[in-house]
PDB file of N, CA and C in Angstrom:
ATOM      1  N   MET A   1      74.170 -13.825 -45.075  1.00  0.00           N
ATOM      2  CA  MET A   1      73.010 -13.428 -44.308  1.00  0.00           C
ATOM      3  C   MET A   1      73.077 -11.930 -44.000  1.00  0.00           C
ATOM      4  N   GLU A   2      74.251 -11.437 -43.647  1.00  0.00           N
ATOM      5  CA  GLU A   2      74.392 -10.013 -43.329  1.00  0.00           C
ATOM      6  C   GLU A   2      74.032  -9.143 -44.526  1.00  0.00           C
ATOM      7  N   LYS A   3      74.446  -9.555 -45.714  1.00  0.00           N
ATOM      8  CA  LYS A   3      74.146  -8.791 -46.930  1.00  0.00           C
ATOM      9  C   LYS A   3      72.630  -8.716 -47.152  1.00  0.00           C
ATOM     10  N   LEU A   4      71.957  -9.855 -47.018  1.00  0.00           N
ATOM     11  CA  LEU A   4      70.504  -9.882 -47.172  1.00  0.00           C
ATOM     12  C   LEU A   4      69.845  -8.982 -46.132  1.00  0.00           C
ATOM     13  N   GLU A   5      70.229  -9.133 -44.887  1.00  0.00           N
ATOM     14  CA  GLU A   5      69.615  -8.350 -43.810  1.00  0.00           C
ATOM     15  C   GLU A   5      69.861  -6.853 -43.990  1.00  0.00           C
ATOM     16  N   SER A   6      70.986  -6.474 -44.596  1.00  0.00           N
ATOM     17  CA  SER A   6      71.276  -5.053 -44.807  1.00  0.00           C
ATOM     18  C   SER A   6      70.332  -4.420 -45.832  1.00  0.00           C
ATOM     19  N   LEU A   7      69.683  -5.239 -46.652  1.00  0.00           N
ATOM     20  CA  LEU A   7      68.745  -4.741 -47.654  1.00  0.00           C
ATOM     21  C   LEU A   7      67.345  -4.524 -47.090  1.00  0.00           C
ATOM     22  N   LEU A   8      67.071  -5.099 -45.917  1.00  0.00           N
ATOM     23  CA  LEU A   8      65.727  -5.093 -45.353  1.00  0.00           C
ATOM     24  C   LEU A   8      65.553  -3.985 -44.325  1.00  0.00           C
ATOM     25  N   ALA A   9      64.402  -3.309 -44.393  1.00  0.00           N
ATOM     26  CA  ALA A   9      64.052  -2.303 -43.391  1.00  0.00           C
ATOM     27  C   ALA A   9      63.709  -3.013 -42.082  1.00  0.00           C
ATOM     28  N   ASN A  10      63.859  -2.317 -40.979  1.00  0.00           N
ATOM     29  CA  ASN A  10      63.549  -2.897 -39.668  1.00  0.00           C
ATOM     30  C   ASN A  10      62.116  -3.417 -39.610  1.00  0.00           C
ATOM     31  N   GLU A  11      61.199  -2.718 -40.265  1.00  0.00           N
ATOM     32  CA  GLU A  11      59.780  -3.090 -40.229  1.00  0.00           C
ATOM     33  C   GLU A  11      59.368  -3.910 -41.451  1.00  0.00           C
ATOM     34  N   ILE A  12      60.317  -4.668 -42.024  1.00  0.00           N
ATOM     35  CA  ILE A  12      60.039  -5.485 -43.205  1.00  0.00           C
ATOM     36  C   ILE A  12      58.822  -6.381 -42.981  1.00  0.00           C
ATOM     37  N   ALA A  13      57.996  -6.466 -44.005  1.00  0.00           N
ATOM     38  CA  ALA A  13      56.820  -7.348 -43.975  1.00  0.00           C
ATOM     39  C   ALA A  13      56.879  -8.239 -45.209  1.00  0.00           C
ATOM     40  N   PHE A  14      56.510  -9.488 -45.041  1.00  0.00           N
ATOM     41  CA  PHE A  14      56.504 -10.473 -46.114  1.00  0.00           C
ATOM     42  C   PHE A  14      55.099 -11.029 -46.252  1.00  0.00           C
ATOM     43  N   PHE A  15      54.603 -11.059 -47.486  1.00  0.00           N
ATOM     44  CA  PHE A  15      53.273 -11.598 -47.765  1.00  0.00           C
ATOM     45  C   PHE A  15      53.392 -12.578 -48.927  1.00  0.00           C
ATOM     46  N   ALA A  16      52.710 -13.713 -48.829  1.00  0.00           N
ATOM     47  CA  ALA A  16      52.716 -14.708 -49.896  1.00  0.00           C
ATOM     48  C   ALA A  16      51.292 -15.017 -50.323  1.00  0.00           C
ATOM     49  N   ASP A  17      51.085 -15.069 -51.634  1.00  0.00           N
ATOM     50  CA  ASP A  17      49.776 -15.370 -52.201  1.00  0.00           C
ATOM     51  C   ASP A  17      49.889 -16.656 -53.011  1.00  0.00           C
ATOM     52  N   GLY A  18      49.413 -17.745 -52.413  1.00  0.00           N
ATOM     53  CA  GLY A  18      49.421 -19.030 -53.106  1.00  0.00           C
ATOM     54  C   GLY A  18      48.104 -19.345 -53.770  1.00  0.00           C
ATOM     55  N   GLY A  19      47.119 -18.464 -53.590  1.00  0.00           N
ATOM     56  CA  GLY A  19      45.812 -18.730 -54.166  1.00  0.00           C
ATOM     57  C   GLY A  19      45.084 -19.804 -53.375  1.00  0.00           C
ATOM     58  N   PRO A  20      43.910 -20.203 -53.844  1.00  0.00           N
ATOM     59  CA  PRO A  20      43.091 -21.151 -53.087  1.00  0.00           C
ATOM     60  C   PRO A  20      43.598 -22.593 -53.115  1.00  0.00           C
ATOM     61  N   ASN A  21      44.458 -22.935 -54.070  1.00  0.00           N
ATOM     62  CA  ASN A  21      44.842 -24.338 -54.228  1.00  0.00           C
ATOM     63  C   ASN A  21      46.310 -24.634 -53.958  1.00  0.00           C
ATOM     64  N   LEU A  22      47.067 -23.655 -53.488  1.00  0.00           N
ATOM     65  CA  LEU A  22      48.496 -23.861 -53.286  1.00  0.00           C
ATOM     66  C   LEU A  22      48.888 -23.418 -51.884  1.00  0.00           C
ATOM     67  N   ASN A  23      49.444 -24.350 -51.114  1.00  0.00           N
ATOM     68  CA  ASN A  23      49.929 -24.006 -49.784  1.00  0.00           C
ATOM     69  C   ASN A  23      51.277 -23.302 -49.902  1.00  0.00           C
ATOM     70  N   VAL A  24      51.498 -22.317 -49.067  1.00  0.00           N
ATOM     71  CA  VAL A  24      52.761 -21.593 -49.052  1.00  0.00           C
ATOM     72  C   VAL A  24      53.432 -21.811 -47.706  1.00  0.00           C
ATOM     73  N   VAL A  25      54.742 -21.596 -47.670  1.00  0.00           N
ATOM     74  CA  VAL A  25      55.509 -21.804 -46.450  1.00  0.00           C
ATOM     75  C   VAL A  25      54.989 -20.910 -45.331  1.00  0.00           C
ATOM     76  N   ALA A  26      54.778 -19.636 -45.641  1.00  0.00           N
ATOM     77  CA  ALA A  26      54.210 -18.683 -44.679  1.00  0.00           C
ATOM     78  C   ALA A  26      53.414 -17.662 -45.463  1.00  0.00           C
ATOM     79  N   LYS A  27      52.260 -17.292 -44.968  1.00  0.00           N
ATOM     80  CA  LYS A  27      51.450 -16.277 -45.662  1.00  0.00           C
ATOM     81  C   LYS A  27      51.890 -14.876 -45.270  1.00  0.00           C
ATOM     82  N   THR A  28      52.260 -14.681 -44.012  1.00  0.00           N
ATOM     83  CA  THR A  28      52.728 -13.369 -43.564  1.00  0.00           C
ATOM     84  C   THR A  28      53.829 -13.552 -42.527  1.00  0.00           C
ATOM     85  N   LEU A  29      54.751 -12.621 -42.536  1.00  0.00           N
ATOM     86  CA  LEU A  29      55.832 -12.566 -41.556  1.00  0.00           C
ATOM     87  C   LEU A  29      56.266 -11.124 -41.431  1.00  0.00           C
ATOM     88  N   SER A  30      56.903 -10.783 -40.328  1.00  0.00           N
ATOM     89  CA  SER A  30      57.495  -9.456 -40.201  1.00  0.00           C
ATOM     90  C   SER A  30      58.750  -9.554 -39.352  1.00  0.00           C
ATOM     91  N   GLY A  31      59.626  -8.591 -39.539  1.00  0.00           N
ATOM     92  CA  GLY A  31      60.889  -8.544 -38.811  1.00  0.00           C
ATOM     93  C   GLY A  31      62.039  -9.065 -39.652  1.00  0.00           C
ATOM     94  N   ILE A  32      63.197  -8.439 -39.478  1.00  0.00           N
ATOM     95  CA  ILE A  32      64.361  -8.781 -40.305  1.00  0.00           C
ATOM     96  C   ILE A  32      64.742 -10.245 -40.177  1.00  0.00           C
ATOM     97  N   GLN A  33      64.892 -10.742 -38.970  1.00  0.00           N
ATOM     98  CA  GLN A  33      65.364 -12.120 -38.797  1.00  0.00           C
ATOM     99  C   GLN A  33      64.390 -13.147 -39.355  1.00  0.00           C
ATOM    100  N   PRO A  34      63.088 -13.097 -39.004  1.00  0.00           N
ATOM    101  CA  PRO A  34      62.168 -14.091 -39.563  1.00  0.00           C
ATOM    102  C   PRO A  34      62.064 -14.024 -41.088  1.00  0.00           C
ATOM    103  N   VAL A  35      62.045 -12.815 -41.640  1.00  0.00           N
ATOM    104  CA  VAL A  35      61.913 -12.678 -43.097  1.00  0.00           C
ATOM    105  C   VAL A  35      63.175 -13.154 -43.799  1.00  0.00           C
ATOM    106  N   SER A  36      64.337 -12.757 -43.315  1.00  0.00           N
ATOM    107  CA  SER A  36      65.575 -13.204 -43.967  1.00  0.00           C
ATOM    108  C   SER A  36      65.741 -14.716 -43.853  1.00  0.00           C
ATOM    109  N   ASP A  37      65.391 -15.291 -42.695  1.00  0.00           N
ATOM    110  CA  ASP A  37      65.446 -16.755 -42.550  1.00  0.00           C
ATOM    111  C   ASP A  37      64.525 -17.436 -43.560  1.00  0.00           C
ATOM    112  N   LEU A  38      63.314 -16.912 -43.717  1.00  0.00           N
ATOM    113  CA  LEU A  38      62.371 -17.506 -44.662  1.00  0.00           C
ATOM    114  C   LEU A  38      62.859 -17.360 -46.099  1.00  0.00           C
ATOM    115  N   LEU A  39      63.366 -16.196 -46.467  1.00  0.00           N
ATOM    116  CA  LEU A  39      63.861 -16.001 -47.831  1.00  0.00           C
ATOM    117  C   LEU A  39      64.983 -16.973 -48.155  1.00  0.00           C
ATOM    118  N   LEU A  40      65.903 -17.176 -47.222  1.00  0.00           N
ATOM    119  CA  LEU A  40      66.989 -18.126 -47.459  1.00  0.00           C
ATOM    120  C   LEU A  40      66.468 -19.562 -47.532  1.00  0.00           C
ATOM    121  N   TYR A  41      65.518 -19.889 -46.693  1.00  0.00           N
ATOM    122  CA  TYR A  41      64.921 -21.222 -46.728  1.00  0.00           C
ATOM    123  C   TYR A  41      64.251 -21.463 -48.082  1.00  0.00           C
ATOM    124  N   ILE A  42      63.442 -20.508 -48.518  1.00  0.00           N
ATOM    125  CA  ILE A  42      62.741 -20.648 -49.803  1.00  0.00           C
ATOM    126  C   ILE A  42      63.741 -20.790 -50.942  1.00  0.00           C
ATOM    127  N   TYR A  43      64.770 -19.949 -50.913  1.00  0.00           N
ATOM    128  CA  TYR A  43      65.762 -20.025 -51.980  1.00  0.00           C
ATOM    129  C   TYR A  43      66.449 -21.392 -51.980  1.00  0.00           C
ATOM    130  N   ASP A  44      66.944 -21.821 -50.820  1.00  0.00           N
ATOM    131  CA  ASP A  44      67.655 -23.102 -50.738  1.00  0.00           C
ATOM    132  C   ASP A  44      66.766 -24.287 -51.093  1.00  0.00           C
ATOM    133  N   LYS A  45      65.519 -24.242 -50.657  1.00  0.00           N
ATOM    134  CA  LYS A  45      64.610 -25.379 -50.828  1.00  0.00           C
ATOM    135  C   LYS A  45      63.971 -25.429 -52.225  1.00  0.00           C
ATOM    136  N   TYR A  46      63.659 -24.252 -52.789  1.00  0.00           N
ATOM    137  CA  TYR A  46      62.840 -24.223 -54.003  1.00  0.00           C
ATOM    138  C   TYR A  46      63.454 -23.480 -55.197  1.00  0.00           C
ATOM    139  N   GLN A  47      64.295 -22.483 -54.973  1.00  0.00           N
ATOM    140  CA  GLN A  47      64.644 -21.583 -56.067  1.00  0.00           C
ATOM    141  C   GLN A  47      66.052 -21.723 -56.618  1.00  0.00           C
ATOM    142  N   THR A  48      66.871 -22.609 -56.096  1.00  0.00           N
ATOM    143  CA  THR A  48      68.272 -22.657 -56.516  1.00  0.00           C
ATOM    144  C   THR A  48      68.457 -22.954 -58.002  1.00  0.00           C
ATOM    145  N   ASN A  49      67.544 -23.676 -58.606  1.00  0.00           N
ATOM    146  CA  ASN A  49      67.696 -24.033 -60.021  1.00  0.00           C
ATOM    147  C   ASN A  49      66.877 -23.153 -60.957  1.00  0.00           C
ATOM    148  N   PHE A  50      66.252 -22.117 -60.422  1.00  0.00           N
ATOM    149  CA  PHE A  50      65.435 -21.240 -61.257  1.00  0.00           C
ATOM    150  C   PHE A  50      66.298 -20.180 -61.942  1.00  0.00           C
ATOM    151  N   PHE A  51      65.831 -19.739 -63.090  1.00  0.00           N
ATOM    152  CA  PHE A  51      66.406 -18.611 -63.803  1.00  0.00           C
ATOM    153  C   PHE A  51      65.743 -17.359 -63.246  1.00  0.00           C
ATOM    154  N   VAL A  52      66.533 -16.376 -62.850  1.00  0.00           N
ATOM    155  CA  VAL A  52      66.011 -15.184 -62.180  1.00  0.00           C
ATOM    156  C   VAL A  52      66.109 -13.982 -63.112  1.00  0.00           C
ATOM    157  N   VAL A  53      65.005 -13.222 -63.208  1.00  0.00           N
ATOM    158  CA  VAL A  53      64.940 -12.034 -64.059  1.00  0.00           C
ATOM    159  C   VAL A  53      64.430 -10.864 -63.218  1.00  0.00           C
ATOM    160  N   SER A  54      65.107  -9.732 -63.315  1.00  0.00           N
ATOM    161  CA  SER A  54      64.583  -8.542 -62.641  1.00  0.00           C
ATOM    162  C   SER A  54      63.549  -7.899 -63.555  1.00  0.00           C
ATOM    163  N   ALA A  55      62.549  -7.288 -62.952  1.00  0.00           N
ATOM    164  CA  ALA A  55      61.453  -6.707 -63.722  1.00  0.00           C
ATOM    165  C   ALA A  55      60.825  -5.569 -62.925  1.00  0.00           C
ATOM    166  N   GLU A  56      59.846  -4.949 -63.543  1.00  0.00           N
ATOM    167  CA  GLU A  56      59.026  -3.952 -62.865  1.00  0.00           C
ATOM    168  C   GLU A  56      57.584  -4.423 -62.961  1.00  0.00           C
ATOM    169  N   VAL A  57      56.929  -4.519 -61.812  1.00  0.00           N
ATOM    170  CA  VAL A  57      55.540  -4.961 -61.738  1.00  0.00           C
ATOM    171  C   VAL A  57      54.767  -3.897 -60.990  1.00  0.00           C
ATOM    172  N   ASN A  58      53.740  -3.352 -61.621  1.00  0.00           N
ATOM    173  CA  ASN A  58      52.953  -2.270 -61.012  1.00  0.00           C
ATOM    174  C   ASN A  58      53.845  -1.132 -60.522  1.00  0.00           C
ATOM    175  N   HIS A  59      54.830  -0.759 -61.329  1.00  0.00           N
ATOM    176  CA  HIS A  59      55.755   0.338 -61.050  1.00  0.00           C
ATOM    177  C   HIS A  59      56.634   0.085 -59.835  1.00  0.00           C
ATOM    178  N   GLN A  60      56.849  -1.182 -59.505  1.00  0.00           N
ATOM    179  CA  GLN A  60      57.713  -1.543 -58.382  1.00  0.00           C
ATOM    180  C   GLN A  60      58.740  -2.569 -58.848  1.00  0.00           C
ATOM    181  N   SER A  61      59.896  -2.548 -58.199  1.00  0.00           N
ATOM    182  CA  SER A  61      60.935  -3.531 -58.516  1.00  0.00           C
ATOM    183  C   SER A  61      60.440  -4.928 -58.186  1.00  0.00           C
ATOM    184  N   ALA A  62      60.822  -5.874 -59.030  1.00  0.00           N
ATOM    185  CA  ALA A  62      60.379  -7.253 -58.823  1.00  0.00           C
ATOM    186  C   ALA A  62      61.446  -8.214 -59.313  1.00  0.00           C
ATOM    187  N   VAL A  63      61.357  -9.428 -58.820  1.00  0.00           N
ATOM    188  CA  VAL A  63      62.207 -10.521 -59.269  1.00  0.00           C
ATOM    189  C   VAL A  63      61.286 -11.651 -59.704  1.00  0.00           C
ATOM    190  N   LEU A  64      61.531 -12.153 -60.920  1.00  0.00           N
ATOM    191  CA  LEU A  64      60.740 -13.245 -61.476  1.00  0.00           C
ATOM    192  C   LEU A  64      61.589 -14.508 -61.472  1.00  0.00           C
ATOM    193  N   PHE A  65      60.999 -15.616 -61.045  1.00  0.00           N
ATOM    194  CA  PHE A  65      61.698 -16.898 -60.990  1.00  0.00           C
ATOM    195  C   PHE A  65      61.077 -17.834 -62.022  1.00  0.00           C
ATOM    196  N   TYR A  66      61.920 -18.307 -62.953  1.00  0.00           N
ATOM    197  CA  TYR A  66      61.456 -19.178 -64.031  1.00  0.00           C
ATOM    198  C   TYR A  66      62.095 -20.560 -63.935  1.00  0.00           C
ATOM    199  N   SER A  67      61.310 -21.552 -64.282  1.00  0.00           N
ATOM    200  CA  SER A  67      61.811 -22.900 -64.523  1.00  0.00           C
ATOM    201  C   SER A  67      61.603 -23.130 -66.008  1.00  0.00           C
ATOM    202  N   GLY A  68      62.670 -23.070 -66.769  1.00  0.00           N
ATOM    203  CA  GLY A  68      62.543 -23.095 -68.228  1.00  0.00           C
ATOM    204  C   GLY A  68      61.808 -21.839 -68.674  1.00  0.00           C
ATOM    205  N   GLN A  69      60.721 -22.004 -69.408  1.00  0.00           N
ATOM    206  CA  GLN A  69      59.917 -20.878 -69.879  1.00  0.00           C
ATOM    207  C   GLN A  69      58.755 -20.553 -68.949  1.00  0.00           C
ATOM    208  N   ARG A  70      58.581 -21.349 -67.898  1.00  0.00           N
ATOM    209  CA  ARG A  70      57.421 -21.207 -67.013  1.00  0.00           C
ATOM    210  C   ARG A  70      57.736 -20.321 -65.812  1.00  0.00           C
ATOM    211  N   LEU A  71      56.917 -19.287 -65.617  1.00  0.00           N
ATOM    212  CA  LEU A  71      57.045 -18.410 -64.454  1.00  0.00           C
ATOM    213  C   LEU A  71      56.535 -19.162 -63.233  1.00  0.00           C
ATOM    214  N   ILE A  72      57.401 -19.326 -62.225  1.00  0.00           N
ATOM    215  CA  ILE A  72      57.084 -20.101 -61.036  1.00  0.00           C
ATOM    216  C   ILE A  72      56.673 -19.200 -59.878  1.00  0.00           C
ATOM    217  N   SER A  73      57.346 -18.060 -59.743  1.00  0.00           N
ATOM    218  CA  SER A  73      56.995 -17.121 -58.676  1.00  0.00           C
ATOM    219  C   SER A  73      57.497 -15.730 -59.018  1.00  0.00           C
ATOM    220  N   CYS A  74      56.941 -14.774 -58.300  1.00  0.00           N
ATOM    221  CA  CYS A  74      57.290 -13.371 -58.485  1.00  0.00           C
ATOM    222  C   CYS A  74      57.345 -12.720 -57.110  1.00  0.00           C
ATOM    223  N   GLN A  75      58.412 -11.975 -56.864  1.00  0.00           N
ATOM    224  CA  GLN A  75      58.518 -11.202 -55.634  1.00  0.00           C
ATOM    225  C   GLN A  75      58.553  -9.722 -56.013  1.00  0.00           C
ATOM    226  N   VAL A  76      57.604  -8.970 -55.473  1.00  0.00           N
ATOM    227  CA  VAL A  76      57.505  -7.539 -55.735  1.00  0.00           C
ATOM    228  C   VAL A  76      57.937  -6.814 -54.465  1.00  0.00           C
ATOM    229  N   PHE A  77      58.790  -5.796 -54.626  1.00  0.00           N
ATOM    230  CA  PHE A  77      59.389  -5.106 -53.486  1.00  0.00           C
ATOM    231  C   PHE A  77      58.879  -3.676 -53.359  1.00  0.00           C
ATOM    232  N   GLU A  78      58.454  -3.319 -52.165  1.00  0.00           N
ATOM    233  CA  GLU A  78      58.177  -1.923 -51.845  1.00  0.00           C
ATOM    234  C   GLU A  78      59.424  -1.384 -51.162  1.00  0.00           C
ATOM    235  N   LEU A  79      59.912  -0.255 -51.663  1.00  0.00           N
ATOM    236  CA  LEU A  79      61.155   0.317 -51.162  1.00  0.00           C
ATOM    237  C   LEU A  79      60.907   1.616 -50.406  1.00  0.00           C
ATOM    238  N   LEU A  80      61.714   1.838 -49.391  1.00  0.00           N
ATOM    239  CA  LEU A  80      61.700   3.111 -48.675  1.00  0.00           C
ATOM    240  C   LEU A  80      62.591   4.101 -49.412  1.00  0.00           C
ATOM    241  N   ASP A  81      62.566   5.361 -49.005  1.00  0.00           N
ATOM    242  CA  ASP A  81      63.390   6.384 -49.638  1.00  0.00           C
ATOM    243  C   ASP A  81      64.877   6.053 -49.584  1.00  0.00           C
ATOM    244  N   ASP A  82      65.307   5.338 -48.545  1.00  0.00           N
ATOM    245  CA  ASP A  82      66.725   4.982 -48.420  1.00  0.00           C
ATOM    246  C   ASP A  82      67.087   3.730 -49.222  1.00  0.00           C
ATOM    247  N   GLY A  83      66.107   3.174 -49.950  1.00  0.00           N
ATOM    248  CA  GLY A  83      66.351   2.008 -50.792  1.00  0.00           C
ATOM    249  C   GLY A  83      66.167   0.671 -50.101  1.00  0.00           C
ATOM    250  N   LYS A  84      65.896   0.683 -48.812  1.00  0.00           N
ATOM    251  CA  LYS A  84      65.682  -0.581 -48.096  1.00  0.00           C
ATOM    252  C   LYS A  84      64.300  -1.150 -48.441  1.00  0.00           C
ATOM    253  N   ILE A  85      64.200  -2.450 -48.399  1.00  0.00           N
ATOM    254  CA  ILE A  85      62.951  -3.140 -48.724  1.00  0.00           C
ATOM    255  C   ILE A  85      62.056  -3.138 -47.490  1.00  0.00           C
ATOM    256  N   SER A  86      60.847  -2.578 -47.646  1.00  0.00           N
ATOM    257  CA  SER A  86      59.914  -2.520 -46.519  1.00  0.00           C
ATOM    258  C   SER A  86      58.828  -3.593 -46.614  1.00  0.00           C
ATOM    259  N   ARG A  87      58.639  -4.138 -47.815  1.00  0.00           N
ATOM    260  CA  ARG A  87      57.594  -5.145 -47.998  1.00  0.00           C
ATOM    261  C   ARG A  87      57.957  -6.006 -49.196  1.00  0.00           C
ATOM    262  N   ILE A  88      57.717  -7.303 -49.048  1.00  0.00           N
ATOM    263  CA  ILE A  88      57.901  -8.247 -50.143  1.00  0.00           C
ATOM    264  C   ILE A  88      56.574  -8.955 -50.357  1.00  0.00           C
ATOM    265  N   ASN A  89      56.032  -8.797 -51.539  1.00  0.00           N
ATOM    266  CA  ASN A  89      54.801  -9.493 -51.923  1.00  0.00           C
ATOM    267  C   ASN A  89      55.203 -10.624 -52.869  1.00  0.00           C
ATOM    268  N   THR A  90      54.987 -11.842 -52.431  1.00  0.00           N
ATOM    269  CA  THR A  90      55.362 -13.003 -53.228  1.00  0.00           C
ATOM    270  C   THR A  90      54.110 -13.623 -53.827  1.00  0.00           C
ATOM    271  N   ILE A  91      54.145 -13.802 -55.133  1.00  0.00           N
ATOM    272  CA  ILE A  91      53.017 -14.393 -55.853  1.00  0.00           C
ATOM    273  C   ILE A  91      53.450 -15.765 -56.351  1.00  0.00           C
ATOM    274  N   VAL A  92      52.735 -16.788 -55.917  1.00  0.00           N
ATOM    275  CA  VAL A  92      52.973 -18.141 -56.423  1.00  0.00           C
ATOM    276  C   VAL A  92      51.683 -18.784 -56.931  1.00  0.00           C
ATOM    277  N   ASP A  93      50.578 -18.067 -56.840  1.00  0.00           N
ATOM    278  CA  ASP A  93      49.286 -18.545 -57.355  1.00  0.00           C
ATOM    279  C   ASP A  93      49.409 -18.698 -58.873  1.00  0.00           C
ATOM    280  N   PRO A  94      49.295 -19.925 -59.393  1.00  0.00           N
ATOM    281  CA  PRO A  94      49.471 -20.153 -60.832  1.00  0.00           C
ATOM    282  C   PRO A  94      48.563 -19.293 -61.713  1.00  0.00           C
ATOM    283  N   GLU A  95      47.339 -19.065 -61.298  1.00  0.00           N
ATOM    284  CA  GLU A  95      46.422 -18.248 -62.102  1.00  0.00           C
ATOM    285  C   GLU A  95      46.886 -16.783 -62.166  1.00  0.00           C
ATOM    286  N   LYS A  96      47.318 -16.260 -61.039  1.00  0.00           N
ATOM    287  CA  LYS A  96      47.813 -14.881 -61.023  1.00  0.00           C
ATOM    288  C   LYS A  96      49.118 -14.751 -61.797  1.00  0.00           C
ATOM    289  N   LEU A  97      49.945 -15.787 -61.752  1.00  0.00           N
ATOM    290  CA  LEU A  97      51.184 -15.758 -62.520  1.00  0.00           C
ATOM    291  C   LEU A  97      50.902 -15.774 -64.023  1.00  0.00           C
ATOM    292  N   LYS A  98      49.883 -16.519 -64.452  1.00  0.00           N
ATOM    293  CA  LYS A  98      49.494 -16.508 -65.870  1.00  0.00           C
ATOM    294  C   LYS A  98      49.075 -15.111 -66.288  1.00  0.00           C
ATOM    295  N   ASP A  99      48.277 -14.448 -65.460  1.00  0.00           N
ATOM    296  CA  ASP A  99      47.839 -13.085 -65.748  1.00  0.00           C
ATOM    297  C   ASP A  99      49.040 -12.131 -65.786  1.00  0.00           C
ATOM    298  N   LEU A 100      49.963 -12.308 -64.856  1.00  0.00           N
ATOM    299  CA  LEU A 100      51.147 -11.459 -64.808  1.00  0.00           C
ATOM    300  C   LEU A 100      51.985 -11.633 -66.072  1.00  0.00           C
ATOM    301  N   GLU A 101      52.160 -12.874 -66.521  1.00  0.00           N
ATOM    302  CA  GLU A 101      52.929 -13.120 -67.738  1.00  0.00           C
ATOM    303  C   GLU A 101      52.342 -12.388 -68.937  1.00  0.00           C
ATOM    304  N   LYS A 102      51.026 -12.319 -69.012  1.00  0.00           N
ATOM    305  CA  LYS A 102      50.358 -11.606 -70.111  1.00  0.00           C
ATOM    306  C   LYS A 102      50.729 -10.130 -70.091  1.00  0.00           C
ATOM    307  N   THR A 103      50.806  -9.531 -68.902  1.00  0.00           N
ATOM    308  CA  THR A 103      51.119  -8.101 -68.804  1.00  0.00           C
ATOM    309  C   THR A 103      52.607  -7.839 -69.076  1.00  0.00           C
ATOM    310  N   LEU A 104      53.452  -8.833 -68.857  1.00  0.00           N
ATOM    311  CA  LEU A 104      54.888  -8.673 -69.084  1.00  0.00           C
ATOM    312  C   LEU A 104      55.267  -8.836 -70.548  1.00  0.00           C
ATOM    313  N   SER A 105      54.405  -9.483 -71.327  1.00  0.00           N
ATOM    314  CA  SER A 105      54.717  -9.743 -72.738  1.00  0.00           C
ATOM    315  C   SER A 105      54.646  -8.499 -73.578  1.00  0.00           C
TER     316      SER A 105
END
């Protein structure tokens, strides 16, 4: 937990886009403790068996989560000058993920 929290800026913000047909755990959160708790919950509950790939999305660092060949989610990170993460945009909307896969190919 300490390692994760050390990567996050004090004013960290988390946003999730599930689209119109997919419920997400939380749409928005802020603060180191709530965001780190949610990230660990999501990882433990949903992502432990996914294949993880680092990428660049819209000129920002990102992590892609795959189940087999299927892209399940994408987390895009906005970084501060000191390298800490100030914002995490999580995409789980299947339609947006299909569009993202096209741009990554």
